[in-house]
């Protein structure tokens, strides 16, 4: 853990309202509502402080990949027709993969990286995020 890393601090503080899944290698959580969030925007992060994909060892890569697959399948199983995966890594030097679901009816001009910009997208505060997290936890593969 790095004391000056936002993601490491988030893991240490363990906001249970955002956590969809966590084990010893990987954390999957919903984007926090500040003051609101696009509903269906997840983050998959290694628990260990690692800056990028190339820094993962085989076991860590397998854990992150498995979590991405489960998160994508779970999002699709709860009404999303497609799931995007983005890794930017510019602002926070701790790997965090954004998985963002696209709901049916989303206009094509908001597909891809613009998905969260759609004014008609489902957004919500902490209660709505908590509802999404509860639904995803309930359908997470065991």
Protein backbone atom coordinates (compact mmCIF):
# COMPACT_ATOMS: atom_id res chain seq x y z
CA UNK A 1 0.00 0.00 0.00
CA UNK A 2 1.13 3.50 -0.79
CA UNK A 3 0.03 6.13 1.76
CA UNK A 4 -0.15 8.85 -0.89
CA UNK A 5 -2.27 6.79 -3.35
CA UNK A 6 -5.97 7.64 -3.63
CA UNK A 7 -6.86 4.05 -4.63
CA UNK A 8 -4.83 2.46 -1.80
CA UNK A 9 -6.49 4.81 0.69
CA UNK A 10 -9.91 3.88 -0.73
CA UNK A 11 -9.13 0.19 -0.22
CA UNK A 12 -7.99 0.83 3.35
CA UNK A 13 -11.11 2.90 4.16
CA UNK A 14 -13.34 0.14 2.69
CA UNK A 15 -16.56 1.98 1.75
CA UNK A 16 -18.92 -1.00 1.86
CA UNK A 17 -21.59 1.00 0.04
CA UNK A 18 -19.48 0.90 -3.13
CA UNK A 19 -17.90 -2.58 -2.93
CA UNK A 20 -19.31 -5.16 -5.32
CA UNK A 21 -16.54 -7.74 -4.77
CA UNK A 22 -13.20 -8.01 -3.02
CA UNK A 23 -10.70 -10.75 -2.32
CA UNK A 24 -6.98 -10.75 -1.48
CA UNK A 25 -5.97 -9.71 -5.03
CA UNK A 26 -8.72 -7.56 -6.56
CA UNK A 27 -11.37 -5.00 -5.67
CA UNK A 28 -14.48 -4.24 -7.74
CA UNK A 29 -16.51 -1.21 -6.75
CA UNK A 30 -18.97 1.29 -8.15
CA UNK A 31 -17.91 4.83 -8.96
CA UNK A 32 -18.85 7.02 -5.97
CA UNK A 33 -21.68 9.52 -6.19
CA UNK A 34 -20.07 12.95 -5.92
CA UNK A 35 -22.83 14.25 -5.91
CA UNK A 36 -24.14 11.72 -8.43
CA UNK A 37 -22.74 8.94 -10.61
CA UNK A 38 -23.51 7.18 -13.86
CA UNK A 39 -25.28 4.04 -12.65
CA UNK A 40 -23.29 1.06 -13.88
CA UNK A 41 -19.77 2.55 -13.79
CA UNK A 42 -17.48 0.07 -12.04
CA UNK A 43 -13.79 0.11 -11.20
CA UNK A 44 -11.68 -3.06 -11.16
CA UNK A 45 -8.43 -2.57 -9.22
CA UNK A 46 -5.66 -4.78 -7.94
CA UNK A 47 -5.49 -4.53 -4.15
CA UNK A 48 -1.69 -4.27 -4.34
CA UNK A 49 -0.35 -0.88 -5.41
CA UNK A 50 0.55 -1.42 -9.07
CA UNK A 51 0.63 1.41 -11.61
CA UNK A 52 -0.38 -0.36 -14.81
CA UNK A 53 -1.26 -3.53 -16.69
CA UNK A 54 2.38 -4.32 -17.45
CA UNK A 55 3.14 -4.34 -13.72
CA UNK A 56 0.81 -7.26 -12.96
CA UNK A 57 2.32 -10.70 -12.44
CA UNK A 58 0.52 -13.70 -13.92
CA UNK A 59 -1.64 -14.35 -10.85
CA UNK A 60 -2.59 -10.68 -10.51
CA UNK A 61 -3.42 -10.48 -14.22
CA UNK A 62 -5.60 -13.57 -13.93
CA UNK A 63 -7.41 -12.11 -10.90
CA UNK A 64 -8.00 -8.75 -12.63
CA UNK A 65 -9.13 -10.49 -15.84
CA UNK A 66 -11.49 -12.81 -13.96
CA UNK A 67 -12.96 -9.85 -12.04
CA UNK A 68 -13.43 -7.92 -15.29
CA UNK A 69 -15.20 -10.89 -16.84
CA UNK A 70 -17.48 -11.38 -13.81
CA UNK A 71 -18.23 -7.65 -13.57
CA UNK A 72 -19.05 -7.45 -17.29
CA UNK A 73 -21.29 -10.52 -17.15
CA UNK A 74 -23.01 -9.21 -14.02
CA UNK A 75 -23.65 -5.80 -15.63
CA UNK A 76 -25.06 -7.49 -18.74
CA UNK A 77 -27.21 -9.72 -16.56
CA UNK A 78 -28.76 -6.68 -14.91
CA UNK A 79 -29.90 -4.95 -18.09
CA UNK A 80 -26.87 -3.48 -19.82
CA UNK A 81 -26.49 -4.48 -23.47
CA UNK A 82 -22.76 -3.76 -23.76
CA UNK A 83 -19.87 -3.10 -21.36
CA UNK A 84 -16.93 -0.85 -22.19
CA UNK A 85 -13.49 -1.20 -20.60
CA UNK A 86 -11.19 1.80 -20.30
CA UNK A 87 -7.75 2.21 -18.74
CA UNK A 88 -6.44 5.76 -18.65
CA UNK A 89 -3.96 5.82 -15.75
CA UNK A 90 -2.99 9.46 -16.10
CA UNK A 91 -4.39 10.92 -12.88
CA UNK A 92 -3.86 8.11 -10.37
CA UNK A 93 -0.77 5.83 -10.58
CA UNK A 94 -2.66 2.72 -9.38
CA UNK A 95 -4.23 0.50 -12.04
CA UNK A 96 -7.98 0.97 -12.20
CA UNK A 97 -9.99 -0.40 -15.09
CA UNK A 98 -13.25 1.43 -15.74
CA UNK A 99 -16.08 -0.90 -16.78
CA UNK A 100 -19.07 1.10 -17.94
CA UNK A 101 -22.34 -0.48 -18.99
CA UNK A 102 -24.41 0.81 -21.90
CA UNK A 103 -28.17 0.53 -21.57
CA UNK A 104 -30.48 -0.26 -24.49
CA UNK A 105 -31.63 2.90 -26.22
CA UNK A 106 -28.43 4.88 -25.67
CA UNK A 107 -27.98 7.10 -28.75
CA UNK A 108 -25.03 6.05 -30.91
CA UNK A 109 -23.29 9.41 -30.51
CA UNK A 110 -22.84 8.56 -26.81
CA UNK A 111 -21.39 5.10 -27.34
CA UNK A 112 -17.78 4.52 -26.26
CA UNK A 113 -15.88 6.98 -24.10
CA UNK A 114 -18.77 9.49 -24.29
CA UNK A 115 -21.20 7.06 -22.58
CA UNK A 116 -21.35 8.96 -19.29
CA UNK A 117 -21.97 12.28 -21.09
CA UNK A 118 -25.44 11.33 -22.33
CA UNK A 119 -27.97 13.64 -20.66
CA UNK A 120 -30.56 10.83 -20.67
CA UNK A 121 -28.32 8.34 -18.87
CA UNK A 122 -29.40 6.91 -15.56
CA UNK A 123 -27.55 8.77 -12.84
CA UNK A 124 -28.10 8.83 -9.13
CA UNK A 125 -26.85 9.70 -5.69
CA UNK A 126 -25.56 7.45 -2.94
CA UNK A 127 -28.90 5.65 -2.46
CA UNK A 128 -29.22 4.82 -6.15
CA UNK A 129 -25.58 3.67 -6.30
CA UNK A 130 -26.25 1.51 -3.24
CA UNK A 131 -29.18 -0.10 -5.02
CA UNK A 132 -27.06 -0.92 -8.06
CA UNK A 133 -24.29 -2.31 -5.85
CA UNK A 134 -26.79 -4.51 -3.97
CA UNK A 135 -28.17 -5.88 -7.24
CA UNK A 136 -24.69 -6.58 -8.61
CA UNK A 137 -23.60 -8.30 -5.38
CA UNK A 138 -26.70 -10.49 -5.44
CA UNK A 139 -25.95 -11.69 -8.96
CA UNK A 140 -22.14 -11.87 -8.70
CA UNK A 141 -20.90 -15.35 -9.73
CA UNK A 142 -19.68 -17.47 -6.83
